[in-house]
Amino acid sequence: MKQTVRYPKARGFFKIRRHPVKLTALLYLKEALIAEQYESCAGFIRIAREFGANAQEIQSILEDLRRAPTG
């Protein structure tokens, strides 16, 4: 089940695909980081990469400023 959005381009259409498994793995990665369950993060990253997540998407979750330690 791929959600595809089509946008007009000068010569035809281009597609933006969002794979639900990739989005779910990135969401679980974010929740694991918030809950400080670092053991499961590698598995979520591996699944997200398998389904098309790029390094920038993963890095933005890992460097989320809202997770900064307060102390």
PDB file of N, CA and C in Angstrom:
ATOM      1  N   MET A   1       0.839  -1.163   0.000  1.00  0.00           N
ATOM      2  CA  MET A   1       0.000   0.000   0.000  1.00  0.00           C
ATOM      3  C   MET A   1       0.891   1.233   0.000  1.00  0.00           C
ATOM      4  N   LYS A   2       1.102   1.828  -1.161  1.00  0.00           N
ATOM      5  CA  LYS A   2       1.902   3.026  -1.273  1.00  0.00           C
ATOM      6  C   LYS A   2       0.979   4.203  -1.568  1.00  0.00           C
ATOM      7  N   GLN A   3       1.177   5.253  -0.816  1.00  0.00           N
ATOM      8  CA  GLN A   3       0.416   6.458  -1.073  1.00  0.00           C
ATOM      9  C   GLN A   3       1.209   7.288  -2.067  1.00  0.00           C
ATOM     10  N   THR A   4       0.597   7.625  -3.180  1.00  0.00           N
ATOM     11  CA  THR A   4       1.285   8.356  -4.222  1.00  0.00           C
ATOM     12  C   THR A   4       0.553   9.651  -4.490  1.00  0.00           C
ATOM     13  N   VAL A   5       1.317  10.718  -4.525  1.00  0.00           N
ATOM     14  CA  VAL A   5       0.770  12.027  -4.848  1.00  0.00           C
ATOM     15  C   VAL A   5       1.404  12.456  -6.154  1.00  0.00           C
ATOM     16  N   ARG A   6       0.592  12.912  -7.090  1.00  0.00           N
ATOM     17  CA  ARG A   6       1.121  13.339  -8.378  1.00  0.00           C
ATOM     18  C   ARG A   6       1.055  14.859  -8.481  1.00  0.00           C
ATOM     19  N   TYR A   7       2.153  15.429  -8.924  1.00  0.00           N
ATOM     20  CA  TYR A   7       2.222  16.860  -9.142  1.00  0.00           C
ATOM     21  C   TYR A   7       2.601  17.117 -10.594  1.00  0.00           C
ATOM     22  N   PRO A   8       1.977  18.094 -11.234  1.00  0.00           N
ATOM     23  CA  PRO A   8       2.341  18.358 -12.631  1.00  0.00           C
ATOM     24  C   PRO A   8       3.760  18.903 -12.732  1.00  0.00           C
ATOM     25  N   LYS A   9       4.434  18.522 -13.770  1.00  0.00           N
ATOM     26  CA  LYS A   9       5.789  18.960 -14.037  1.00  0.00           C
ATOM     27  C   LYS A   9       5.821  19.438 -15.484  1.00  0.00           C
ATOM     28  N   ALA A  10       6.868  20.062 -15.893  1.00  0.00           N
ATOM     29  CA  ALA A  10       6.951  20.584 -17.257  1.00  0.00           C
ATOM     30  C   ALA A  10       6.724  19.481 -18.289  1.00  0.00           C
ATOM     31  N   ARG A  11       7.285  18.319 -18.055  1.00  0.00           N
ATOM     32  CA  ARG A  11       7.122  17.199 -18.988  1.00  0.00           C
ATOM     33  C   ARG A  11       6.498  16.022 -18.271  1.00  0.00           C
ATOM     34  N   GLY A  12       5.225  16.026 -18.050  1.00  0.00           N
ATOM     35  CA  GLY A  12       4.540  14.901 -17.423  1.00  0.00           C
ATOM     36  C   GLY A  12       4.351  15.102 -15.933  1.00  0.00           C
ATOM     37  N   PHE A  13       4.446  14.017 -15.183  1.00  0.00           N
ATOM     38  CA  PHE A  13       4.212  14.027 -13.743  1.00  0.00           C
ATOM     39  C   PHE A  13       5.395  13.405 -13.025  1.00  0.00           C
ATOM     40  N   PHE A  14       5.607  13.802 -11.790  1.00  0.00           N
ATOM     41  CA  PHE A  14       6.552  13.097 -10.949  1.00  0.00           C
ATOM     42  C   PHE A  14       5.806  12.639  -9.702  1.00  0.00           C
ATOM     43  N   LYS A  15       6.282  11.577  -9.077  1.00  0.00           N
ATOM     44  CA  LYS A  15       5.567  10.953  -7.972  1.00  0.00           C
ATOM     45  C   LYS A  15       6.325  11.126  -6.666  1.00  0.00           C
ATOM     46  N   ILE A  16       5.579  11.329  -5.593  1.00  0.00           N
ATOM     47  CA  ILE A  16       6.138  11.323  -4.246  1.00  0.00           C
ATOM     48  C   ILE A  16       5.538  10.111  -3.559  1.00  0.00           C
ATOM     49  N   ARG A  17       6.399   9.204  -3.133  1.00  0.00           N
ATOM     50  CA  ARG A  17       5.912   7.976  -2.506  1.00  0.00           C
ATOM     51  C   ARG A  17       6.267   7.989  -1.028  1.00  0.00           C
ATOM     52  N   ARG A  18       5.290   7.626  -0.220  1.00  0.00           N
ATOM     53  CA  ARG A  18       5.497   7.514   1.215  1.00  0.00           C
ATOM     54  C   ARG A  18       5.098   6.110   1.635  1.00  0.00           C
ATOM     55  N   HIS A  19       6.070   5.323   1.992  1.00  0.00           N
ATOM     56  CA  HIS A  19       5.806   3.944   2.368  1.00  0.00           C
ATOM     57  C   HIS A  19       5.374   3.903   3.837  1.00  0.00           C
ATOM     58  N   PRO A  20       4.224   3.296   4.140  1.00  0.00           N
ATOM     59  CA  PRO A  20       3.737   3.294   5.522  1.00  0.00           C
ATOM     60  C   PRO A  20       4.655   2.580   6.508  1.00  0.00           C
ATOM     61  N   VAL A  21       5.398   1.566   6.074  1.00  0.00           N
ATOM     62  CA  VAL A  21       6.312   0.866   6.985  1.00  0.00           C
ATOM     63  C   VAL A  21       7.476   1.788   7.346  1.00  0.00           C
ATOM     64  N   LYS A  22       7.966   2.551   6.377  1.00  0.00           N
ATOM     65  CA  LYS A  22       9.043   3.499   6.654  1.00  0.00           C
ATOM     66  C   LYS A  22       8.578   4.550   7.657  1.00  0.00           C
ATOM     67  N   LEU A  23       7.418   5.101   7.444  1.00  0.00           N
ATOM     68  CA  LEU A  23       6.888   6.118   8.347  1.00  0.00           C
ATOM     69  C   LEU A  23       6.665   5.563   9.751  1.00  0.00           C
ATOM     70  N   THR A  24       6.170   4.330   9.829  1.00  0.00           N
ATOM     71  CA  THR A  24       5.946   3.702  11.131  1.00  0.00           C
ATOM     72  C   THR A  24       7.264   3.450  11.853  1.00  0.00           C
ATOM     73  N   ALA A  25       8.280   2.981  11.132  1.00  0.00           N
ATOM     74  CA  ALA A  25       9.589   2.727  11.750  1.00  0.00           C
ATOM     75  C   ALA A  25      10.207   4.026  12.256  1.00  0.00           C
ATOM     76  N   LEU A  26      10.060   5.118  11.501  1.00  0.00           N
ATOM     77  CA  LEU A  26      10.587   6.399  11.953  1.00  0.00           C
ATOM     78  C   LEU A  26       9.832   6.907  13.180  1.00  0.00           C
ATOM     79  N   LEU A  27       8.543   6.676  13.216  1.00  0.00           N
ATOM     80  CA  LEU A  27       7.754   7.073  14.378  1.00  0.00           C
ATOM     81  C   LEU A  27       8.166   6.273  15.612  1.00  0.00           C
ATOM     82  N   TYR A  28       8.342   4.951  15.456  1.00  0.00           N
ATOM     83  CA  TYR A  28       8.782   4.114  16.569  1.00  0.00           C
ATOM     84  C   TYR A  28      10.186   4.493  17.028  1.00  0.00           C
ATOM     85  N   LEU A  29      11.052   4.881  16.085  1.00  0.00           N
ATOM     86  CA  LEU A  29      12.389   5.341  16.451  1.00  0.00           C
ATOM     87  C   LEU A  29      12.295   6.584  17.329  1.00  0.00           C
ATOM     88  N   LYS A  30      11.455   7.507  16.945  1.00  0.00           N
ATOM     89  CA  LYS A  30      11.290   8.734  17.721  1.00  0.00           C
ATOM     90  C   LYS A  30      10.749   8.434  19.118  1.00  0.00           C
ATOM     91  N   GLU A  31       9.775   7.542  19.210  1.00  0.00           N
ATOM     92  CA  GLU A  31       9.202   7.179  20.508  1.00  0.00           C
ATOM     93  C   GLU A  31      10.226   6.442  21.380  1.00  0.00           C
ATOM     94  N   ALA A  32      11.056   5.594  20.765  1.00  0.00           N
ATOM     95  CA  ALA A  32      12.085   4.884  21.531  1.00  0.00           C
ATOM     96  C   ALA A  32      13.130   5.847  22.070  1.00  0.00           C
ATOM     97  N   LEU A  33      13.473   6.854  21.301  1.00  0.00           N
ATOM     98  CA  LEU A  33      14.432   7.847  21.773  1.00  0.00           C
ATOM     99  C   LEU A  33      13.859   8.665  22.922  1.00  0.00           C
ATOM    100  N   ILE A  34      12.607   9.022  22.832  1.00  0.00           N
ATOM    101  CA  ILE A  34      11.970   9.788  23.898  1.00  0.00           C
ATOM    102  C   ILE A  34      11.905   8.963  25.184  1.00  0.00           C
ATOM    103  N   ALA A  35      11.608   7.667  25.041  1.00  0.00           N
ATOM    104  CA  ALA A  35      11.512   6.780  26.206  1.00  0.00           C
ATOM    105  C   ALA A  35      12.884   6.263  26.649  1.00  0.00           C
ATOM    106  N   GLU A  36      13.950   6.693  25.971  1.00  0.00           N
ATOM    107  CA  GLU A  36      15.321   6.279  26.269  1.00  0.00           C
ATOM    108  C   GLU A  36      15.515   4.766  26.187  1.00  0.00           C
ATOM    109  N   GLN A  37      14.887   4.146  25.200  1.00  0.00           N
ATOM    110  CA  GLN A  37      15.041   2.713  24.942  1.00  0.00           C
ATOM    111  C   GLN A  37      15.992   2.548  23.753  1.00  0.00           C
ATOM    112  N   TYR A  38      17.264   2.814  23.998  1.00  0.00           N
ATOM    113  CA  TYR A  38      18.245   2.886  22.922  1.00  0.00           C
ATOM    114  C   TYR A  38      18.560   1.531  22.302  1.00  0.00           C
ATOM    115  N   GLU A  39      18.272   0.449  22.996  1.00  0.00           N
ATOM    116  CA  GLU A  39      18.560  -0.882  22.463  1.00  0.00           C
ATOM    117  C   GLU A  39      17.744  -1.185  21.208  1.00  0.00           C
ATOM    118  N   SER A  40      16.547  -0.665  21.116  1.00  0.00           N
ATOM    119  CA  SER A  40      15.673  -0.962  19.984  1.00  0.00           C
ATOM    120  C   SER A  40      15.844   0.003  18.818  1.00  0.00           C
ATOM    121  N   CYS A  41      16.617   1.069  18.990  1.00  0.00           N
ATOM    122  CA  CYS A  41      16.759   2.084  17.947  1.00  0.00           C
ATOM    123  C   CYS A  41      17.421   1.538  16.686  1.00  0.00           C
ATOM    124  N   ALA A  42      18.423   0.695  16.834  1.00  0.00           N
ATOM    125  CA  ALA A  42      19.128   0.154  15.670  1.00  0.00           C
ATOM    126  C   ALA A  42      18.189  -0.652  14.773  1.00  0.00           C
ATOM    127  N   GLY A  43      17.297  -1.410  15.375  1.00  0.00           N
ATOM    128  CA  GLY A  43      16.339  -2.185  14.597  1.00  0.00           C
ATOM    129  C   GLY A  43      15.374  -1.302  13.829  1.00  0.00           C
ATOM    130  N   PHE A  44      14.910  -0.235  14.463  1.00  0.00           N
ATOM    131  CA  PHE A  44      13.998   0.686  13.774  1.00  0.00           C
ATOM    132  C   PHE A  44      14.697   1.415  12.634  1.00  0.00           C
ATOM    133  N   ILE A  45      15.960   1.775  12.843  1.00  0.00           N
ATOM    134  CA  ILE A  45      16.717   2.430  11.778  1.00  0.00           C
ATOM    135  C   ILE A  45      16.916   1.480  10.608  1.00  0.00           C
ATOM    136  N   ARG A  46      17.231   0.222  10.901  1.00  0.00           N
ATOM    137  CA  ARG A  46      17.426  -0.772   9.846  1.00  0.00           C
ATOM    138  C   ARG A  46      16.160  -0.971   9.021  1.00  0.00           C
ATOM    139  N   ILE A  47      15.006  -1.042   9.684  1.00  0.00           N
ATOM    140  CA  ILE A  47      13.738  -1.226   8.974  1.00  0.00           C
ATOM    141  C   ILE A  47      13.410   0.007   8.140  1.00  0.00           C
ATOM    142  N   ALA A  48      13.617   1.192   8.708  1.00  0.00           N
ATOM    143  CA  ALA A  48      13.332   2.419   7.970  1.00  0.00           C
ATOM    144  C   ALA A  48      14.214   2.516   6.728  1.00  0.00           C
ATOM    145  N   ARG A  49      15.500   2.178   6.854  1.00  0.00           N
ATOM    146  CA  ARG A  49      16.405   2.215   5.694  1.00  0.00           C
ATOM    147  C   ARG A  49      15.986   1.207   4.636  1.00  0.00           C
ATOM    148  N   GLU A  50      15.533   0.028   5.077  1.00  0.00           N
ATOM    149  CA  GLU A  50      15.106  -1.015   4.139  1.00  0.00           C
ATOM    150  C   GLU A  50      13.929  -0.553   3.286  1.00  0.00           C
ATOM    151  N   PHE A  51      13.058   0.271   3.855  1.00  0.00           N
ATOM    152  CA  PHE A  51      11.875   0.716   3.139  1.00  0.00           C
ATOM    153  C   PHE A  51      12.007   2.131   2.588  1.00  0.00           C
ATOM    154  N   GLY A  52      13.238   2.632   2.472  1.00  0.00           N
ATOM    155  CA  GLY A  52      13.455   3.845   1.707  1.00  0.00           C
ATOM    156  C   GLY A  52      13.774   5.115   2.469  1.00  0.00           C
ATOM    157  N   ALA A  53      14.006   5.053   3.759  1.00  0.00           N
ATOM    158  CA  ALA A  53      14.365   6.264   4.494  1.00  0.00           C
ATOM    159  C   ALA A  53      15.801   6.651   4.145  1.00  0.00           C
ATOM    160  N   ASN A  54      16.028   7.937   3.951  1.00  0.00           N
ATOM    161  CA  ASN A  54      17.387   8.378   3.665  1.00  0.00           C
ATOM    162  C   ASN A  54      18.058   8.839   4.947  1.00  0.00           C
ATOM    163  N   ALA A  55      19.351   9.113   4.845  1.00  0.00           N
ATOM    164  CA  ALA A  55      20.136   9.474   6.030  1.00  0.00           C
ATOM    165  C   ALA A  55      19.651  10.770   6.661  1.00  0.00           C
ATOM    166  N   GLN A  56      19.187  11.701   5.853  1.00  0.00           N
ATOM    167  CA  GLN A  56      18.723  12.983   6.379  1.00  0.00           C
ATOM    168  C   GLN A  56      17.464  12.820   7.233  1.00  0.00           C
ATOM    169  N   GLU A  57      16.552  11.954   6.826  1.00  0.00           N
ATOM    170  CA  GLU A  57      15.336  11.716   7.611  1.00  0.00           C
ATOM    171  C   GLU A  57      15.677  11.122   8.973  1.00  0.00           C
ATOM    172  N   ILE A  58      16.584  10.169   8.992  1.00  0.00           N
ATOM    173  CA  ILE A  58      16.974   9.528  10.251  1.00  0.00           C
ATOM    174  C   ILE A  58      17.756  10.494  11.124  1.00  0.00           C
ATOM    175  N   GLN A  59      18.670  11.247  10.515  1.00  0.00           N
ATOM    176  CA  GLN A  59      19.482  12.193  11.271  1.00  0.00           C
ATOM    177  C   GLN A  59      18.621  13.285  11.908  1.00  0.00           C
ATOM    178  N   SER A  60      17.579  13.724  11.241  1.00  0.00           N
ATOM    179  CA  SER A  60      16.719  14.764  11.812  1.00  0.00           C
ATOM    180  C   SER A  60      15.992  14.265  13.056  1.00  0.00           C
ATOM    181  N   ILE A  61      15.667  12.977  13.095  1.00  0.00           N
ATOM    182  CA  ILE A  61      15.026  12.418  14.290  1.00  0.00           C
ATOM    183  C   ILE A  61      16.047  12.260  15.412  1.00  0.00           C
ATOM    184  N   LEU A  62      17.258  11.820  15.065  1.00  0.00           N
ATOM    185  CA  LEU A  62      18.285  11.629  16.078  1.00  0.00           C
ATOM    186  C   LEU A  62      18.742  12.944  16.705  1.00  0.00           C
ATOM    187  N   GLU A  63      18.705  14.023  15.955  1.00  0.00           N
ATOM    188  CA  GLU A  63      19.171  15.318  16.448  1.00  0.00           C
ATOM    189  C   GLU A  63      18.029  16.231  16.869  1.00  0.00           C
ATOM    190  N   ASP A  64      16.907  15.698  17.230  1.00  0.00           N
ATOM    191  CA  ASP A  64      15.758  16.506  17.641  1.00  0.00           C
ATOM    192  C   ASP A  64      16.108  17.297  18.888  1.00  0.00           C
ATOM    193  N   LEU A  65      15.991  18.615  18.816  1.00  0.00           N
ATOM    194  CA  LEU A  65      16.376  19.481  19.930  1.00  0.00           C
ATOM    195  C   LEU A  65      15.468  19.334  21.147  1.00  0.00           C
ATOM    196  N   ARG A  66      14.283  18.835  20.968  1.00  0.00           N
ATOM    197  CA  ARG A  66      13.365  18.665  22.098  1.00  0.00           C
ATOM    198  C   ARG A  66      13.803  17.556  23.031  1.00  0.00           C
ATOM    199  N   ARG A  67      14.750  16.703  22.604  1.00  0.00           N
ATOM    200  CA  ARG A  67      15.248  15.631  23.439  1.00  0.00           C
ATOM    201  C   ARG A  67      16.486  16.032  24.220  1.00  0.00           C
ATOM    202  N   ALA A  68      16.886  17.284  24.166  1.00  0.00           N
ATOM    203  CA  ALA A  68      18.107  17.729  24.832  1.00  0.00           C
ATOM    204  C   ALA A  68      17.998  17.504  26.335  1.00  0.00           C
ATOM    205  N   PRO A  69      19.084  17.037  26.963  1.00  0.00           N
ATOM    206  CA  PRO A  69      19.039  16.802  28.420  1.00  0.00           C
ATOM    207  C   PRO A  69      18.865  18.106  29.194  1.00  0.00           C
ATOM    208  N   THR A  70      18.106  18.011  30.242  1.00  0.00           N
ATOM    209  CA  THR A  70      17.875  19.190  31.080  1.00  0.00           C
ATOM    210  C   THR A  70      18.545  18.956  32.429  1.00  0.00           C
ATOM    211  N   GLY A  71      19.715  19.491  32.604  1.00  0.00           N
ATOM    212  CA  GLY A  71      20.363  19.205  33.870  1.00  0.00           C
ATOM    213  C   GLY A  71      21.541  19.956  34.144  1.00  0.00           C
TER     214      GLY A  71
END
